[in-house]
C-alpha cells in the first residue's frame, strides 16, 4: 500500500511513526557483513564479504528494536541482506532473542544458505519462535548446474534428518517444506537462476546493474519496495530495496540515509532521499539506473485502468505539474 504521506519529507516523528506502522510489511536487517559463498547471481561474487566478519553494533541494533517496540510492530523482520546470518550461531541466536524480547509480535524470518544448519540448530530456531526459515541451495563461485543444485538439496535434507511435509516441483524450481513440529515454517528451495522466460528474459537479476547480466528488458511498471520495506545494512546504511548491495558501487551512491544508535528510524525512513525515490518509481515511465532492468518488486498489473489511476494520483500529488486546486491530504491507500 502507499499513502499521501509517503511523498512528504516534512512529517513529525509521530506522523512518520504512524505511516511506518500502517505501511511497512518487512524490516530487513543485515546483522553482519560476512558471507561464506560467492554465487554468480550475487554481488558478493564481485566484492569481498569473505575475509572479515563485521557485526552490527549492539547499540545500533537495540535502537532499531526500541523504535519498532514503540509502535508495537507486528510485521516481518527478515534477518537477511547479502550475508549468511547463521554463520555465527551464538551471535545469531542472541539477535533473535533480542527481537523476540523487544518486538514480541514480529514475524522473524531467516534467509540462509543452510551451510551452518543441523537438526539441533533448527530446533533452537523453532524454540525461539522463528516464524519462517528460508533455505536456498546456492551455487559454487563458478556456477552450479540446476541438476546439481537438486542433488545438493537432497543431501541437505538427508543431513538435516527431519521429515518432509510437502514438495512442489515447478520445473525450474523445487520447494520442499520440512516438518518442524511447531508453527515455524521451514522451506528449502533449489531454483535455476539462469533460466529464461518465454520472452527470453533471464530469471536472475542484475542486482541494480552491479552484475553483467543481459536482461533484455526495460522496466516501466511502478515499484513499491521503498514504500513498504525498510532495508538496513550492518553499518546502518538504509537502501532502497533488497537488490542493492552497497559495496558494489562507489561509496554511498544509493544510500538513502544512515542510522545511528540514536536515530529516529521513522523520520529517517521518510527523509528527502526516500521521498525522491518513491516519486521516481511511482509511474509507468521507463525507470532510470539502477532500476531500468529490474523485474523484481511488487507493482500493479500494467493495464489501462492502473495506468489511468497512477496518472491521476501523480497529478493530485503534483509529481508532474501543479494541480488545478490545492492537494487534499489523502489517507486511503491506492493499491491494497
Protein backbone atom coordinates (compact mmCIF):
# COMPACT_ATOMS: atom_id res chain seq x y z
CA UNK A 1 0.00 0.00 0.00
CA UNK A 2 1.01 3.59 -0.31
CA UNK A 3 -0.30 6.77 1.20
CA UNK A 4 -0.11 10.51 0.59
CA UNK A 5 2.43 10.81 3.42
CA UNK A 6 4.85 8.59 1.50
CA UNK A 7 5.59 11.66 -0.62
CA UNK A 8 6.17 14.08 2.27
CA UNK A 9 9.52 14.72 3.93
CA UNK A 10 8.18 17.18 6.48
CA UNK A 11 6.42 14.70 8.76
CA UNK A 12 6.65 14.93 12.52
CA UNK A 13 8.08 11.97 14.40
CA UNK A 14 4.57 10.89 15.37
CA UNK A 15 3.30 11.17 11.78
CA UNK A 16 6.29 9.24 10.44
CA UNK A 17 5.76 6.51 13.04
CA UNK A 18 2.06 6.25 12.11
CA UNK A 19 2.91 5.92 8.41
CA UNK A 20 5.56 3.30 9.15
CA UNK A 21 3.18 1.24 11.28
CA UNK A 22 0.46 1.04 8.63
CA UNK A 23 2.68 0.81 5.53
CA UNK A 24 5.75 -1.28 6.38
CA UNK A 25 5.50 -5.02 5.77
CA UNK A 26 9.17 -6.02 6.07
CA UNK A 27 12.11 -4.71 8.06
CA UNK A 28 15.17 -6.39 6.59
CA UNK A 29 18.34 -6.26 8.67
CA UNK A 30 21.84 -7.39 7.85
CA UNK A 31 23.24 -8.38 11.24
CA UNK A 32 26.73 -8.89 9.81
CA UNK A 33 28.78 -8.38 6.66
CA UNK A 34 30.09 -11.95 6.35
CA UNK A 35 29.03 -14.46 3.71
CA UNK A 36 30.80 -17.77 3.13
CA UNK A 37 29.64 -18.07 -0.50
CA UNK A 38 30.22 -16.15 -3.72
CA UNK A 39 27.33 -17.06 -6.02
CA UNK A 40 27.35 -15.83 -9.62
CA UNK A 41 23.93 -14.16 -9.23
CA UNK A 42 25.01 -12.15 -6.15
CA UNK A 43 27.20 -9.01 -5.86
CA UNK A 44 29.17 -10.85 -3.19
CA UNK A 45 30.86 -12.55 -6.15
CA UNK A 46 32.49 -9.24 -7.12
CA UNK A 47 33.18 -7.73 -3.68
CA UNK A 48 34.89 -9.05 -0.56
CA UNK A 49 32.46 -10.20 2.08
CA UNK A 50 34.51 -13.25 2.94
CA UNK A 51 37.71 -12.04 4.62
CA UNK A 52 36.13 -10.10 7.51
CA UNK A 53 33.24 -10.57 9.93
CA UNK A 54 31.84 -7.19 10.88
CA UNK A 55 28.74 -7.35 13.05
CA UNK A 56 26.08 -4.72 13.53
CA UNK A 57 26.84 -2.92 16.79
CA UNK A 58 24.71 -3.72 19.83
CA UNK A 59 23.79 -0.05 20.26
CA UNK A 60 22.57 0.28 16.68
CA UNK A 61 20.63 -2.98 16.70
CA UNK A 62 18.95 -2.24 20.02
CA UNK A 63 17.96 1.26 18.88
CA UNK A 64 16.24 -0.20 15.82
CA UNK A 65 14.33 -2.60 18.06
CA UNK A 66 13.38 0.12 20.54
CA UNK A 67 11.91 2.16 17.69
CA UNK A 68 9.90 -0.84 16.48
CA UNK A 69 8.78 -1.53 20.05
CA UNK A 70 7.30 1.98 20.29
CA UNK A 71 4.76 1.19 17.58
CA UNK A 72 4.12 -2.43 18.62
CA UNK A 73 5.46 -3.55 15.26
CA UNK A 74 3.92 -6.86 14.17
CA UNK A 75 5.17 -7.22 10.59
CA UNK A 76 8.10 -9.26 9.33
CA UNK A 77 11.67 -8.83 10.49
CA UNK A 78 13.96 -10.56 8.00
CA UNK A 79 17.49 -11.47 9.01
CA UNK A 80 18.90 -11.15 5.54
CA UNK A 81 20.77 -8.82 3.11
CA UNK A 82 23.95 -10.18 1.50
CA UNK A 83 25.28 -12.08 4.48
CA UNK A 84 24.98 -15.54 5.96
CA UNK A 85 23.17 -14.76 9.22
CA UNK A 86 23.67 -18.19 10.77
CA UNK A 87 27.46 -18.35 10.29
CA UNK A 88 27.90 -17.48 13.98
CA UNK A 89 25.30 -19.50 15.85
CA UNK A 90 25.69 -17.83 19.25
CA UNK A 91 25.55 -14.33 17.75
CA UNK A 92 22.54 -15.14 15.57
CA UNK A 93 20.60 -16.57 18.50
CA UNK A 94 21.46 -13.53 20.60
CA UNK A 95 19.94 -11.25 17.96
CA UNK A 96 16.85 -13.45 17.59
CA UNK A 97 16.26 -13.47 21.35
CA UNK A 98 16.61 -9.67 21.43
CA UNK A 99 13.99 -9.32 18.70
CA UNK A 100 11.65 -11.68 20.47
CA UNK A 101 12.07 -9.80 23.78
CA UNK A 102 11.57 -6.26 22.46
CA UNK A 103 9.28 -6.83 19.46
CA UNK A 104 7.34 -9.90 20.59
CA UNK A 105 4.68 -9.82 17.86
CA UNK A 106 7.13 -9.55 14.96
CA UNK A 107 7.32 -12.41 12.49
CA UNK A 108 11.01 -13.35 12.40
CA UNK A 109 12.19 -14.91 9.17
CA UNK A 110 15.68 -16.18 8.46
CA UNK A 111 17.17 -16.40 4.97
CA UNK A 112 20.12 -18.79 4.90
CA UNK A 113 22.17 -20.97 2.58
CA UNK A 114 21.84 -23.78 5.15
CA UNK A 115 25.57 -24.49 5.36
CA UNK A 116 25.59 -23.99 9.14
CA UNK A 117 22.28 -25.65 9.90
CA UNK A 118 21.83 -29.00 11.57
CA UNK A 119 18.89 -30.58 13.37
CA UNK A 120 19.79 -29.10 16.76
CA UNK A 121 20.18 -25.61 15.30
CA UNK A 122 16.77 -25.94 13.63
CA UNK A 123 15.24 -26.96 16.97
CA UNK A 124 16.79 -23.92 18.65
CA UNK A 125 15.32 -21.62 16.00
CA UNK A 126 11.93 -23.28 16.34
CA UNK A 127 12.02 -22.95 20.15
CA UNK A 128 12.78 -19.24 19.71
CA UNK A 129 9.53 -18.96 17.73
CA UNK A 130 11.14 -18.04 14.44
CA UNK A 131 8.25 -17.67 12.03
CA UNK A 132 9.97 -18.88 8.86
CA UNK A 133 13.33 -20.44 7.91
CA UNK A 134 14.00 -19.98 4.22
CA UNK A 135 16.93 -22.05 2.95
CA UNK A 136 18.17 -21.72 -0.63
CA UNK A 137 20.59 -24.09 -2.28
CA UNK A 138 23.28 -21.74 -3.59
CA UNK A 139 25.98 -22.03 -6.20
CA UNK A 140 29.68 -22.63 -6.17
CA UNK A 141 31.66 -19.50 -7.24
CA UNK A 142 31.86 -20.60 -10.88
CA UNK A 143 28.20 -21.57 -11.09
CA UNK A 144 26.33 -24.81 -10.48
CA UNK A 145 24.01 -26.66 -12.85
CA UNK A 146 20.39 -26.87 -11.74
CA UNK A 147 20.58 -30.67 -11.68
CA UNK A 148 23.47 -30.43 -9.22
CA UNK A 149 21.51 -27.98 -7.06
CA UNK A 150 18.71 -30.54 -6.87
CA UNK A 151 21.22 -33.15 -5.71
CA UNK A 152 22.56 -30.70 -3.15
CA UNK A 153 19.01 -30.19 -1.91
CA UNK A 154 18.60 -33.93 -1.36
CA UNK A 155 21.93 -34.10 0.51
CA UNK A 156 20.85 -31.17 2.69
CA UNK A 157 17.53 -32.83 3.53
CA UNK A 158 19.33 -36.06 4.45
CA UNK A 159 21.78 -34.15 6.65
CA UNK A 160 19.02 -32.29 8.49
CA UNK A 161 17.14 -35.55 9.00
CA UNK A 162 13.71 -34.03 9.61
CA UNK A 163 10.53 -35.33 7.94
CA UNK A 164 9.37 -33.78 4.69
CA UNK A 165 5.92 -32.20 4.83
CA UNK A 166 5.45 -31.42 1.15
CA UNK A 167 7.18 -30.92 -2.20
CA UNK A 168 6.35 -28.50 -5.03
CA UNK A 169 8.24 -29.09 -8.27
CA UNK A 170 7.75 -26.16 -10.64
CA UNK A 171 10.08 -27.32 -13.38
CA UNK A 172 12.77 -24.70 -12.83
CA UNK A 173 12.40 -24.64 -9.04
CA UNK A 174 11.73 -27.26 -6.38
CA UNK A 175 10.41 -26.22 -2.99
CA UNK A 176 10.44 -28.64 -0.07
CA UNK A 177 8.61 -27.93 3.17
CA UNK A 178 10.05 -29.61 6.25
CA UNK A 179 8.00 -30.62 9.27
CA UNK A 180 9.15 -28.71 12.38
CA UNK A 181 6.54 -29.95 14.85
CA UNK A 182 5.61 -26.34 15.54
CA UNK A 183 4.25 -23.24 13.79
CA UNK A 184 7.65 -22.45 12.29
CA UNK A 185 7.65 -22.82 8.50
CA UNK A 186 10.85 -24.39 7.16
CA UNK A 187 11.30 -24.20 3.37
CA UNK A 188 14.20 -25.48 1.29
CA UNK A 189 14.43 -24.18 -2.26
CA UNK A 190 16.51 -25.11 -5.28
CA UNK A 191 15.94 -22.97 -8.35
CA UNK A 192 17.50 -22.36 -11.71
CA UNK A 193 18.60 -18.73 -11.58
CA UNK A 194 19.84 -18.88 -15.17
CA UNK A 195 16.56 -19.90 -16.82
CA UNK A 196 14.74 -17.56 -19.22
CA UNK A 197 11.07 -16.84 -19.59
CA UNK A 198 9.02 -17.00 -22.80
CA UNK A 199 10.28 -13.53 -23.76
CA UNK A 200 13.91 -14.53 -23.31
CA UNK A 201 14.38 -12.54 -20.09
CA UNK A 202 16.77 -14.31 -17.73
CA UNK A 203 15.37 -15.05 -14.25
CA UNK A 204 18.38 -13.82 -12.28
CA UNK A 205 18.50 -10.10 -11.59
CA UNK A 206 21.45 -7.84 -12.36
CA UNK A 207 21.21 -6.58 -8.77
CA UNK A 208 20.83 -2.93 -9.53
CA UNK A 209 23.04 -3.26 -12.62
CA UNK A 210 26.03 -4.27 -10.49
CA UNK A 211 26.33 -7.61 -12.32
CA UNK A 212 27.00 -8.11 -16.05
CA UNK A 213 23.65 -9.79 -16.73
CA UNK A 214 21.96 -9.17 -20.07
CA UNK A 215 18.34 -8.77 -19.01
CA UNK A 216 16.80 -7.90 -22.37
CA UNK A 217 14.01 -5.79 -20.86
CA UNK A 218 13.19 -2.26 -19.74
CA UNK A 219 11.32 -1.52 -16.54
CA UNK A 220 8.30 0.75 -16.90
CA UNK A 221 5.97 -0.51 -14.17
CA UNK A 222 5.95 1.10 -10.71
CA UNK A 223 7.89 -0.42 -7.83
CA UNK A 224 6.68 -0.16 -4.26
CA UNK A 225 9.64 -1.64 -2.38
CA UNK A 226 10.71 1.72 -0.87
CA UNK A 227 7.07 2.18 0.18
CA UNK A 228 6.57 -0.97 2.27
CA UNK A 229 10.07 -2.09 3.27
CA UNK A 230 12.97 -0.87 5.36
CA UNK A 231 16.36 -2.23 4.30
CA UNK A 232 19.23 -1.79 6.80
CA UNK A 233 22.86 -2.78 6.28
CA UNK A 234 25.10 -3.98 9.11
CA UNK A 235 26.65 -0.49 9.40
CA UNK A 236 23.33 1.35 9.47
CA UNK A 237 23.07 2.25 5.78
CA UNK A 238 19.49 2.43 4.55
CA UNK A 239 18.99 1.14 1.00
CA UNK A 240 16.04 1.43 -1.42
CA UNK A 241 15.48 -2.30 -1.78
CA UNK A 242 16.95 -5.78 -1.44
CA UNK A 243 18.56 -5.61 -4.89
CA UNK A 244 21.15 -3.01 -3.83
CA UNK A 245 24.37 -4.29 -2.25
CA UNK A 246 26.16 -1.04 -1.33
CA UNK A 247 29.71 -2.43 -1.57
CA UNK A 248 29.19 -2.98 -5.30
CA UNK A 249 29.04 0.76 -6.01
CA UNK A 250 31.03 3.85 -5.22
CA UNK A 251 30.62 4.99 -1.63
CA UNK A 252 27.06 5.95 -0.66
CA UNK A 253 25.88 6.00 -4.29
CA UNK A 254 22.44 4.59 -3.49
CA UNK A 255 22.42 5.02 0.28
CA UNK A 256 19.28 6.87 1.39
CA UNK A 257 20.43 7.52 4.95
CA UNK A 258 22.48 6.05 7.75
CA UNK A 259 21.06 5.00 11.10
CA UNK A 260 22.97 5.61 14.31
CA UNK A 261 22.37 4.37 17.87
CA UNK A 262 20.27 7.50 18.49
CA UNK A 263 18.37 7.79 15.20
CA UNK A 264 14.64 8.19 14.90
CA UNK A 265 14.13 5.30 12.47
CA UNK A 266 10.75 6.56 11.30
CA UNK A 267 11.93 10.06 10.44
CA UNK A 268 14.94 8.66 8.60
CA UNK A 269 12.64 6.41 6.55
CA UNK A 270 10.65 9.49 5.46
CA UNK A 271 13.62 11.70 4.60
CA UNK A 272 14.01 13.60 1.31
CA UNK A 273 16.07 10.82 -0.31
CA UNK A 274 13.33 8.24 0.25
CA UNK A 275 10.65 10.61 -0.99
CA UNK A 276 12.55 11.24 -4.21
CA UNK A 277 12.97 7.51 -4.89
CA UNK A 278 9.25 6.96 -4.34
CA UNK A 279 8.36 9.77 -6.71
CA UNK A 280 10.68 8.38 -9.38
CA UNK A 281 9.33 4.85 -9.06
CA UNK A 282 5.66 5.77 -8.98
CA UNK A 283 4.98 5.92 -12.72
CA UNK A 284 4.65 3.86 -15.87
CA UNK A 285 7.58 5.68 -17.45
CA UNK A 286 10.93 3.98 -18.17
CA UNK A 287 12.98 3.83 -14.99
CA UNK A 288 16.49 5.18 -14.60
CA UNK A 289 19.52 3.37 -13.21
CA UNK A 290 19.78 1.20 -11.24
CA UNK A 291 16.14 0.17 -11.73
CA UNK A 292 15.80 0.23 -15.51
CA UNK A 293 16.49 -3.50 -15.99
CA UNK A 294 14.89 -4.84 -12.81
CA UNK A 295 11.77 -7.02 -12.81
CA UNK A 296 11.75 -7.54 -9.05
CA UNK A 297 9.39 -5.98 -6.54
CA UNK A 298 5.66 -5.59 -6.19
CA UNK A 299 3.75 -3.49 -8.68
CA UNK A 300 0.21 -3.40 -10.07
CA UNK A 301 -0.64 -5.01 -13.35
CA UNK A 302 0.10 -2.91 -16.43
CA UNK A 303 -3.43 -2.23 -17.58
CA UNK A 304 -5.14 0.90 -18.95
CA UNK A 305 -7.02 1.15 -15.64
CA UNK A 306 -3.93 1.11 -13.42
CA UNK A 307 -2.09 3.50 -15.75
CA UNK A 308 -5.01 5.92 -15.52
CA UNK A 309 -5.14 5.63 -11.73
CA UNK A 310 -1.42 6.31 -11.41
CA UNK A 311 -1.68 9.29 -13.76
CA UNK A 312 -4.49 10.76 -11.65
CA UNK A 313 -2.57 10.29 -8.44
CA UNK A 314 0.60 11.79 -9.89
CA UNK A 315 -1.41 14.89 -10.80
CA UNK A 316 -3.02 15.05 -7.35
CA UNK A 317 0.39 14.72 -5.72
CA UNK A 318 1.85 17.34 -8.06
CA UNK A 319 4.59 14.94 -9.16
CA UNK A 320 4.44 16.10 -12.81
CA UNK A 321 2.85 19.53 -12.82
CA UNK A 322 0.89 21.68 -10.36
CA UNK A 323 -2.68 20.54 -9.83
CA UNK A 324 -5.58 22.84 -10.64
CA UNK A 325 -6.55 23.06 -6.98
CA UNK A 326 -4.72 22.59 -3.67
CA UNK A 327 -3.84 18.99 -2.91
CA UNK A 328 -6.02 17.48 -0.23
CA UNK A 329 -4.37 15.06 2.18
CA UNK A 330 -5.47 11.55 1.20
CA UNK A 331 -5.39 8.83 3.80
CA UNK A 332 -6.76 5.99 1.70
CA UNK A 333 -4.41 3.50 0.10
CA UNK A 334 -4.36 3.34 -3.70
CA UNK A 335 -3.36 -0.27 -4.02
CA UNK A 336 -4.01 -2.98 -1.45
